[in-house]
C-alpha atoms as a PDB file:
ATOM      1  CA  MET A   1     -32.446 -16.703  28.526  1.00  0.00           C
ATOM      2  CA  ALA A   2     -31.621 -18.583  31.718  1.00  0.00           C
ATOM      3  CA  LEU A   3     -28.408 -17.919  33.576  1.00  0.00           C
ATOM      4  CA  VAL A   4     -26.416 -21.042  34.340  1.00  0.00           C
ATOM      5  CA  GLN A   5     -24.301 -20.964  37.451  1.00  0.00           C
ATOM      6  CA  VAL A   6     -21.423 -23.413  37.705  1.00  0.00           C
ATOM      7  CA  GLU A   7     -20.475 -24.536  41.188  1.00  0.00           C
ATOM      8  CA  ARG A   8     -16.955 -23.421  42.000  1.00  0.00           C
ATOM      9  CA  THR A   9     -14.980 -26.314  43.437  1.00  0.00           C
ATOM     10  CA  ALA A  10     -11.325 -26.851  44.267  1.00  0.00           C
ATOM     11  CA  GLY A  11     -11.004 -28.687  40.944  1.00  0.00           C
ATOM     12  CA  THR A  12     -12.451 -25.835  38.896  1.00  0.00           C
ATOM     13  CA  HIS A  13     -10.257 -23.369  40.784  1.00  0.00           C
ATOM     14  CA  ARG A  14      -7.129 -25.431  39.999  1.00  0.00           C
ATOM     15  CA  PHE A  15      -8.190 -25.558  36.341  1.00  0.00           C
ATOM     16  CA  GLU A  16      -8.668 -21.776  36.205  1.00  0.00           C
ATOM     17  CA  VAL A  17      -5.276 -21.177  37.857  1.00  0.00           C
ATOM     18  CA  ALA A  18      -3.527 -23.618  35.508  1.00  0.00           C
ATOM     19  CA  LEU A  19      -5.195 -22.022  32.484  1.00  0.00           C
ATOM     20  CA  GLU A  20      -4.153 -18.553  33.628  1.00  0.00           C
ATOM     21  CA  LYS A  21      -0.542 -19.712  34.067  1.00  0.00           C
ATOM     22  CA  LEU A  22      -0.597 -21.316  30.610  1.00  0.00           C
ATOM     23  CA  ARG A  23      -1.863 -18.105  29.015  1.00  0.00           C
ATOM     24  CA  ASP A  24       0.734 -16.069  30.918  1.00  0.00           C
ATOM     25  CA  GLY A  25       3.459 -18.422  29.664  1.00  0.00           C
ATOM     26  CA  VAL A  26       2.303 -18.096  26.069  1.00  0.00           C
ATOM     27  CA  GLN A  27       2.304 -14.308  26.357  1.00  0.00           C
ATOM     28  CA  ALA A  28       5.768 -14.338  27.946  1.00  0.00           C
ATOM     29  CA  MET A  29       7.164 -16.510  25.143  1.00  0.00           C
ATOM     30  CA  ALA A  30       5.562 -14.306  22.494  1.00  0.00           C
ATOM     31  CA  ALA A  31       7.126 -11.245  24.134  1.00  0.00           C
ATOM     32  CA  TRP A  32      10.541 -12.948  24.141  1.00  0.00           C
ATOM     33  CA  ILE A  33      10.422 -14.425  20.624  1.00  0.00           C
ATOM     34  CA  HIS A  34       9.263 -11.283  18.833  1.00  0.00           C
ATOM     35  CA  PRO A  35      12.426  -9.214  19.487  1.00  0.00           C
ATOM     36  CA  ALA A  36      14.892 -12.156  19.787  1.00  0.00           C
ATOM     37  CA  ASP A  37      17.944 -12.033  17.564  1.00  0.00           C
ATOM     38  CA  ASN A  38      18.495 -14.831  15.067  1.00  0.00           C
ATOM     39  CA  GLY A  39      21.188 -16.534  17.152  1.00  0.00           C
ATOM     40  CA  ALA A  40      18.970 -16.909  20.213  1.00  0.00           C
ATOM     41  CA  LEU A  41      15.785 -17.493  18.243  1.00  0.00           C
ATOM     42  CA  GLY A  42      16.743 -20.972  17.035  1.00  0.00           C
ATOM     43  CA  GLU A  43      17.533 -22.241  20.539  1.00  0.00           C
ATOM     44  CA  GLY A  44      14.429 -20.521  21.900  1.00  0.00           C
ATOM     45  CA  LEU A  45      12.219 -22.274  19.365  1.00  0.00           C
ATOM     46  CA  ILE A  46      13.784 -25.630  20.201  1.00  0.00           C
ATOM     47  CA  GLN A  47      13.214 -25.061  23.921  1.00  0.00           C
ATOM     48  CA  LEU A  48       9.644 -23.893  23.272  1.00  0.00           C
ATOM     49  CA  ARG A  49       8.923 -27.133  21.403  1.00  0.00           C
ATOM     50  CA  GLU A  50      10.630 -29.364  24.013  1.00  0.00           C
ATOM     51  CA  SER A  51       9.393 -27.580  27.141  1.00  0.00           C
ATOM     52  CA  GLY A  52       5.963 -26.418  26.079  1.00  0.00           C
ATOM     53  CA  ILE A  53       4.401 -27.718  22.906  1.00  0.00           C
ATOM     54  CA  ASP A  54       5.392 -31.408  23.084  1.00  0.00           C
ATOM     55  CA  PRO A  55       4.408 -31.898  26.757  1.00  0.00           C
ATOM     56  CA  LEU A  56       1.149 -29.995  26.232  1.00  0.00           C
ATOM     57  CA  GLU A  57       0.293 -32.171  23.222  1.00  0.00           C
ATOM     58  CA  ALA A  58       0.957 -35.276  25.358  1.00  0.00           C
ATOM     59  CA  VAL A  59      -1.377 -34.006  28.097  1.00  0.00           C
ATOM     60  CA  PHE A  60      -4.022 -33.214  25.476  1.00  0.00           C
ATOM     61  CA  ALA A  61      -3.735 -36.678  23.902  1.00  0.00           C
ATOM     62  CA  SER A  62      -4.084 -38.300  27.319  1.00  0.00           C
ATOM     63  CA  GLY A  63      -7.209 -36.268  28.008  1.00  0.00           C
ATOM     64  CA  VAL A  64      -8.701 -37.129  24.613  1.00  0.00           C
ATOM     65  CA  ARG A  65      -8.121 -40.847  25.255  1.00  0.00           C
ATOM     66  CA  ARG A  66      -9.873 -40.610  28.638  1.00  0.00           C
ATOM     67  CA  PHE A  67     -12.739 -38.612  27.132  1.00  0.00           C
ATOM     68  CA  ASP A  68     -13.122 -41.110  24.302  1.00  0.00           C
ATOM     69  CA  LYS A  69     -13.226 -44.050  26.721  1.00  0.00           C
ATOM     70  CA  SER A  70     -15.770 -42.279  28.938  1.00  0.00           C
ATOM     71  CA  GLY A  71     -18.352 -41.979  26.161  1.00  0.00           C
ATOM     72  CA  GLU A  72     -19.421 -38.559  27.511  1.00  0.00           C
ATOM     73  CA  PHE A  73     -19.610 -37.164  23.988  1.00  0.00           C
ATOM     74  CA  ALA A  74     -22.390 -39.634  23.161  1.00  0.00           C
ATOM     75  CA  ALA A  75     -24.519 -38.258  26.003  1.00  0.00           C
ATOM     76  CA  ASP A  76     -24.484 -34.891  24.202  1.00  0.00           C
ATOM     77  CA  GLY A  77     -25.488 -36.495  20.905  1.00  0.00           C
ATOM     78  CA  ALA A  78     -22.065 -36.013  19.285  1.00  0.00           C
ATOM     79  CA  VAL A  79     -21.630 -39.530  17.911  1.00  0.00           C
END
């Protein structure tokens, strides 16, 4: 099996850093939500949706639109 080496660029580094921060944020929210009392939990869930989930879904949708327009998936035979 051949080993594939991906060139590390500033763009890939930024992606890795952003992904690490995202994972850290998810872990931090999980650690907060698990023991939260019922009074704080409702507001925490609202803030999680408004500050995290909704904006992340918007970024994802934007990326999917760009990917769809690029036609890159067709190059891999995924039509």
